[in-house]
PDB file of N, CA and C in Angstrom:
ATOM      1  N   MET A   1       7.967   2.844 -19.611  1.00  0.00           N
ATOM      2  CA  MET A   1       8.128   1.875 -20.922  1.00  0.00           C
ATOM      3  C   MET A   1       8.819   2.435 -21.786  1.00  0.00           C
ATOM      4  N   THR A   2       9.064   3.431 -22.167  1.00  0.00           N
ATOM      5  CA  THR A   2      10.014   4.066 -23.372  1.00  0.00           C
ATOM      6  C   THR A   2      11.379   3.904 -23.093  1.00  0.00           C
ATOM      7  N   VAL A   3      11.874   3.832 -21.767  1.00  0.00           N
ATOM      8  CA  VAL A   3      13.100   3.810 -21.198  1.00  0.00           C
ATOM      9  C   VAL A   3      13.635   2.235 -21.573  1.00  0.00           C
ATOM     10  N   LEU A   4      12.640   1.445 -21.200  1.00  0.00           N
ATOM     11  CA  LEU A   4      13.048  -0.130 -21.588  1.00  0.00           C
ATOM     12  C   LEU A   4      12.943  -0.616 -22.707  1.00  0.00           C
ATOM     13  N   LEU A   5      12.013   0.329 -23.714  1.00  0.00           N
ATOM     14  CA  LEU A   5      12.269  -0.154 -25.073  1.00  0.00           C
ATOM     15  C   LEU A   5      13.573   0.642 -25.888  1.00  0.00           C
ATOM     16  N   LEU A   6      13.868   1.662 -25.343  1.00  0.00           N
ATOM     17  CA  LEU A   6      15.159   2.244 -25.864  1.00  0.00           C
ATOM     18  C   LEU A   6      16.337   1.474 -25.468  1.00  0.00           C
ATOM     19  N   CYS A   7      16.433   1.003 -24.002  1.00  0.00           N
ATOM     20  CA  CYS A   7      17.650  -0.312 -23.873  1.00  0.00           C
ATOM     21  C   CYS A   7      17.416  -1.332 -24.451  1.00  0.00           C
ATOM     22  N   LEU A   8      16.503  -1.988 -24.691  1.00  0.00           N
ATOM     23  CA  LEU A   8      16.364  -2.900 -25.275  1.00  0.00           C
ATOM     24  C   LEU A   8      16.853  -2.892 -26.712  1.00  0.00           C
ATOM     25  N   VAL A   9      16.290  -1.911 -27.398  1.00  0.00           N
ATOM     26  CA  VAL A   9      16.934  -1.608 -28.814  1.00  0.00           C
ATOM     27  C   VAL A   9      18.506  -1.324 -29.063  1.00  0.00           C
ATOM     28  N   ALA A  10      19.185  -0.705 -28.011  1.00  0.00           N
ATOM     29  CA  ALA A  10      20.474  -0.397 -27.853  1.00  0.00           C
ATOM     30  C   ALA A  10      21.212  -1.926 -27.795  1.00  0.00           C
ATOM     31  N   VAL A  11      20.620  -2.655 -26.809  1.00  0.00           N
ATOM     32  CA  VAL A  11      21.032  -3.953 -26.598  1.00  0.00           C
ATOM     33  C   VAL A  11      21.066  -4.885 -27.835  1.00  0.00           C
ATOM     34  N   PHE A  12      19.928  -5.088 -28.607  1.00  0.00           N
ATOM     35  CA  PHE A  12      19.712  -5.959 -29.377  1.00  0.00           C
ATOM     36  C   PHE A  12      19.820  -5.289 -30.841  1.00  0.00           C
ATOM     37  N   ALA A  13      20.314  -4.058 -30.976  1.00  0.00           N
ATOM     38  CA  ALA A  13      20.507  -3.580 -32.294  1.00  0.00           C
ATOM     39  C   ALA A  13      21.747  -4.104 -32.877  1.00  0.00           C
ATOM     40  N   SER A  14      21.714  -4.327 -34.181  1.00  0.00           N
ATOM     41  CA  SER A  14      22.814  -4.640 -35.235  1.00  0.00           C
ATOM     42  C   SER A  14      22.813  -3.860 -36.146  1.00  0.00           C
ATOM     43  N   THR A  15      24.052  -3.205 -36.083  1.00  0.00           N
ATOM     44  CA  THR A  15      24.176  -2.266 -37.481  1.00  0.00           C
ATOM     45  C   THR A  15      24.149  -2.752 -39.015  1.00  0.00           C
ATOM     46  N   GLU A  16      24.587  -4.230 -38.828  1.00  0.00           N
ATOM     47  CA  GLU A  16      24.767  -4.715 -40.287  1.00  0.00           C
ATOM     48  C   GLU A  16      23.200  -5.196 -40.706  1.00  0.00           C
ATOM     49  N   GLN A  17      22.432  -5.781 -39.674  1.00  0.00           N
ATOM     50  CA  GLN A  17      21.271  -6.443 -40.213  1.00  0.00           C
ATOM     51  C   GLN A  17      20.099  -5.719 -39.744  1.00  0.00           C
ATOM     52  N   GLY A  18      20.027  -4.564 -39.090  1.00  0.00           N
ATOM     53  CA  GLY A  18      18.960  -3.850 -38.843  1.00  0.00           C
ATOM     54  C   GLY A  18      18.429  -4.166 -37.230  1.00  0.00           C
ATOM     55  N   ILE A  19      17.329  -3.966 -36.860  1.00  0.00           N
ATOM     56  CA  ILE A  19      16.728  -4.186 -35.750  1.00  0.00           C
ATOM     57  C   ILE A  19      15.910  -5.337 -35.811  1.00  0.00           C
ATOM     58  N   ASP A  20      16.125  -6.264 -35.045  1.00  0.00           N
ATOM     59  CA  ASP A  20      15.361  -7.637 -34.860  1.00  0.00           C
ATOM     60  C   ASP A  20      14.047  -7.119 -33.974  1.00  0.00           C
ATOM     61  N   TRP A  21      13.108  -6.745 -34.440  1.00  0.00           N
ATOM     62  CA  TRP A  21      11.800  -6.493 -33.598  1.00  0.00           C
ATOM     63  C   TRP A  21      11.024  -7.470 -32.943  1.00  0.00           C
ATOM     64  N   ALA A  22      11.316  -8.854 -33.525  1.00  0.00           N
ATOM     65  CA  ALA A  22      10.743  -9.627 -33.014  1.00  0.00           C
ATOM     66  C   ALA A  22      11.382 -10.069 -31.328  1.00  0.00           C
ATOM     67  N   ILE A  23      12.700 -10.062 -31.398  1.00  0.00           N
ATOM     68  CA  ILE A  23      13.382 -10.290 -30.249  1.00  0.00           C
ATOM     69  C   ILE A  23      13.045  -9.166 -29.198  1.00  0.00           C
ATOM     70  N   ILE A  24      12.956  -7.755 -29.711  1.00  0.00           N
ATOM     71  CA  ILE A  24      12.785  -6.743 -28.676  1.00  0.00           C
ATOM     72  C   ILE A  24      11.358  -6.782 -28.123  1.00  0.00           C
ATOM     73  N   SER A  25      10.460  -7.310 -29.071  1.00  0.00           N
ATOM     74  CA  SER A  25       8.983  -7.158 -28.658  1.00  0.00           C
ATOM     75  C   SER A  25       8.821  -8.424 -27.543  1.00  0.00           C
ATOM     76  N   ALA A  26       9.745  -9.762 -27.679  1.00  0.00           N
ATOM     77  CA  ALA A  26       9.549 -10.688 -26.687  1.00  0.00           C
ATOM     78  C   ALA A  26      10.190 -10.375 -25.391  1.00  0.00           C
ATOM     79  N   ALA A  27      11.348  -9.673 -25.594  1.00  0.00           N
ATOM     80  CA  ALA A  27      12.014  -9.076 -24.268  1.00  0.00           C
ATOM     81  C   ALA A  27      11.333  -8.201 -23.558  1.00  0.00           C
ATOM     82  N   THR A  28      10.413  -7.284 -24.166  1.00  0.00           N
ATOM     83  CA  THR A  28       9.605  -6.128 -23.525  1.00  0.00           C
ATOM     84  C   THR A  28       8.585  -7.099 -22.978  1.00  0.00           C
ATOM     85  N   LEU A  29       7.897  -7.763 -23.423  1.00  0.00           N
ATOM     86  CA  LEU A  29       6.667  -8.931 -22.852  1.00  0.00           C
ATOM     87  C   LEU A  29       7.306  -9.571 -21.600  1.00  0.00           C
ATOM     88  N   MET A  30       8.476 -10.263 -21.783  1.00  0.00           N
ATOM     89  CA  MET A  30       8.908 -10.902 -20.613  1.00  0.00           C
ATOM     90  C   MET A  30       9.358  -9.882 -19.491  1.00  0.00           C
ATOM     91  N   THR A  31       9.603  -8.928 -19.910  1.00  0.00           N
ATOM     92  CA  THR A  31      10.088  -7.514 -18.782  1.00  0.00           C
ATOM     93  C   THR A  31       8.769  -7.211 -18.287  1.00  0.00           C
ATOM     94  N   SER A  32       7.887  -6.927 -18.989  1.00  0.00           N
ATOM     95  CA  SER A  32       6.790  -6.102 -18.493  1.00  0.00           C
ATOM     96  C   SER A  32       5.469  -7.089 -17.925  1.00  0.00           C
ATOM     97  N   GLY A  33       5.556  -8.391 -18.602  1.00  0.00           N
ATOM     98  CA  GLY A  33       4.757  -9.443 -18.216  1.00  0.00           C
ATOM     99  C   GLY A  33       4.241  -9.694 -16.806  1.00  0.00           C
ATOM    100  N   PRO A  34       5.371  -9.868 -16.009  1.00  0.00           N
ATOM    101  CA  PRO A  34       5.276 -10.198 -14.472  1.00  0.00           C
ATOM    102  C   PRO A  34       4.600  -8.983 -13.895  1.00  0.00           C
ATOM    103  N   LEU A  35       4.908  -7.950 -14.152  1.00  0.00           N
ATOM    104  CA  LEU A  35       4.335  -6.737 -13.214  1.00  0.00           C
ATOM    105  C   LEU A  35       2.638  -6.532 -13.801  1.00  0.00           C
ATOM    106  N   LEU A  36       2.677  -6.655 -14.998  1.00  0.00           N
ATOM    107  CA  LEU A  36       1.175  -6.911 -15.098  1.00  0.00           C
ATOM    108  C   LEU A  36       0.453  -7.816 -14.575  1.00  0.00           C
ATOM    109  N   VAL A  37       0.965  -9.023 -14.285  1.00  0.00           N
ATOM    110  CA  VAL A  37       0.452 -10.113 -13.654  1.00  0.00           C
ATOM    111  C   VAL A  37       0.306  -9.683 -12.421  1.00  0.00           C
ATOM    112  N   ALA A  38       1.279  -9.254 -11.770  1.00  0.00           N
ATOM    113  CA  ALA A  38       1.161  -8.919 -10.231  1.00  0.00           C
ATOM    114  C   ALA A  38      -0.044  -7.818  -9.992  1.00  0.00           C
ATOM    115  N   PHE A  39      -0.155  -6.561 -10.834  1.00  0.00           N
ATOM    116  CA  PHE A  39      -1.040  -5.834 -11.002  1.00  0.00           C
ATOM    117  C   PHE A  39      -2.550  -6.438 -11.150  1.00  0.00           C
ATOM    118  N   LEU A  40      -2.583  -7.171 -11.884  1.00  0.00           N
ATOM    119  CA  LEU A  40      -3.974  -7.785 -12.052  1.00  0.00           C
ATOM    120  C   LEU A  40      -4.379  -8.607 -10.739  1.00  0.00           C
ATOM    121  N   LEU A  41      -3.346  -9.105 -10.378  1.00  0.00           N
ATOM    122  CA  LEU A  41      -3.782 -10.009  -8.868  1.00  0.00           C
ATOM    123  C   LEU A  41      -4.023  -9.378  -7.603  1.00  0.00           C
ATOM    124  N   PHE A  42      -3.181  -8.069  -7.608  1.00  0.00           N
ATOM    125  CA  PHE A  42      -3.425  -7.441  -6.594  1.00  0.00           C
ATOM    126  C   PHE A  42      -4.300  -5.876  -6.751  1.00  0.00           C
ATOM    127  N   GLN A  43      -4.994  -5.805  -7.740  1.00  0.00           N
ATOM    128  CA  GLN A  43      -5.597  -4.697  -8.266  1.00  0.00           C
ATOM    129  C   GLN A  43      -6.331  -4.082  -7.140  1.00  0.00           C
ATOM    130  N   ARG A  44      -7.385  -4.964  -6.630  1.00  0.00           N
ATOM    131  CA  ARG A  44      -8.230  -4.521  -5.591  1.00  0.00           C
ATOM    132  C   ARG A  44      -7.494  -3.925  -4.328  1.00  0.00           C
ATOM    133  N   GLN A  45      -6.432  -4.537  -3.815  1.00  0.00           N
ATOM    134  CA  GLN A  45      -5.410  -3.982  -2.671  1.00  0.00           C
ATOM    135  C   GLN A  45      -4.979  -2.693  -3.093  1.00  0.00           C
ATOM    136  N   PHE A  46      -4.339  -2.389  -4.455  1.00  0.00           N
ATOM    137  CA  PHE A  46      -3.783  -1.155  -4.916  1.00  0.00           C
ATOM    138  C   PHE A  46      -4.978  -0.290  -5.031  1.00  0.00           C
ATOM    139  N   VAL A  47      -6.231  -0.358  -5.548  1.00  0.00           N
ATOM    140  CA  VAL A  47      -7.020   0.586  -5.524  1.00  0.00           C
ATOM    141  C   VAL A  47      -7.522   0.969  -4.115  1.00  0.00           C
ATOM    142  N   GLN A  48      -7.521   0.155  -3.368  1.00  0.00           N
ATOM    143  CA  GLN A  48      -8.330   0.276  -1.744  1.00  0.00           C
ATOM    144  C   GLN A  48      -7.150   1.109  -1.226  1.00  0.00           C
ATOM    145  N   SER A  49      -5.935   0.837  -1.277  1.00  0.00           N
ATOM    146  CA  SER A  49      -4.877   1.608  -0.697  1.00  0.00           C
ATOM    147  C   SER A  49      -4.954   3.229  -0.919  1.00  0.00           C
ATOM    148  N   PHE A  50      -5.461   3.593  -2.261  1.00  0.00           N
ATOM    149  CA  PHE A  50      -5.398   4.832  -2.749  1.00  0.00           C
ATOM    150  C   PHE A  50      -6.475   5.570  -2.220  1.00  0.00           C
ATOM    151  N   MET A  51      -7.682   4.754  -2.215  1.00  0.00           N
ATOM    152  CA  MET A  51      -9.037   5.102  -1.567  1.00  0.00           C
ATOM    153  C   MET A  51      -8.602   5.482  -0.202  1.00  0.00           C
ATOM    154  N   ARG A  52      -8.065   4.864   0.529  1.00  0.00           N
ATOM    155  CA  ARG A  52      -7.849   4.833   1.844  1.00  0.00           C
ATOM    156  C   ARG A  52      -7.182   6.177   2.181  1.00  0.00           C
ATOM    157  N   ALA A  53      -5.831   6.339   1.508  1.00  0.00           N
ATOM    158  CA  ALA A  53      -4.969   7.321   1.720  1.00  0.00           C
ATOM    159  C   ALA A  53      -5.451   8.838   1.068  1.00  0.00           C
ATOM    160  N   GLY A  54      -6.579   8.839   0.221  1.00  0.00           N
ATOM    161  CA  GLY A  54      -7.575   9.823  -0.027  1.00  0.00           C
ATOM    162  C   GLY A  54      -8.204  10.450   0.895  1.00  0.00           C
ATOM    163  N   ILE A  55      -9.006   9.444   1.591  1.00  0.00           N
ATOM    164  CA  ILE A  55      -9.714   9.715   2.622  1.00  0.00           C
ATOM    165  C   ILE A  55      -9.250  10.549   3.879  1.00  0.00           C
ATOM    166  N   ARG A  56      -7.980  10.230   4.263  1.00  0.00           N
ATOM    167  CA  ARG A  56      -7.308  10.835   5.489  1.00  0.00           C
ATOM    168  C   ARG A  56      -7.054  12.044   5.256  1.00  0.00           C
TER     169      ARG A  56
END
């Protein structure tokens, strides 16, 4: 997550006006949002796969 934030700051940073944190926050949410939704949808299968792998 830190690498994502640093990349977004490098892309959207303007030396004249400073950093527009609203744009960076929106871009971070748009980037990490789908991953969070996918994890929440498949949380049970994700946890069960680790449980099965630990038993073997």
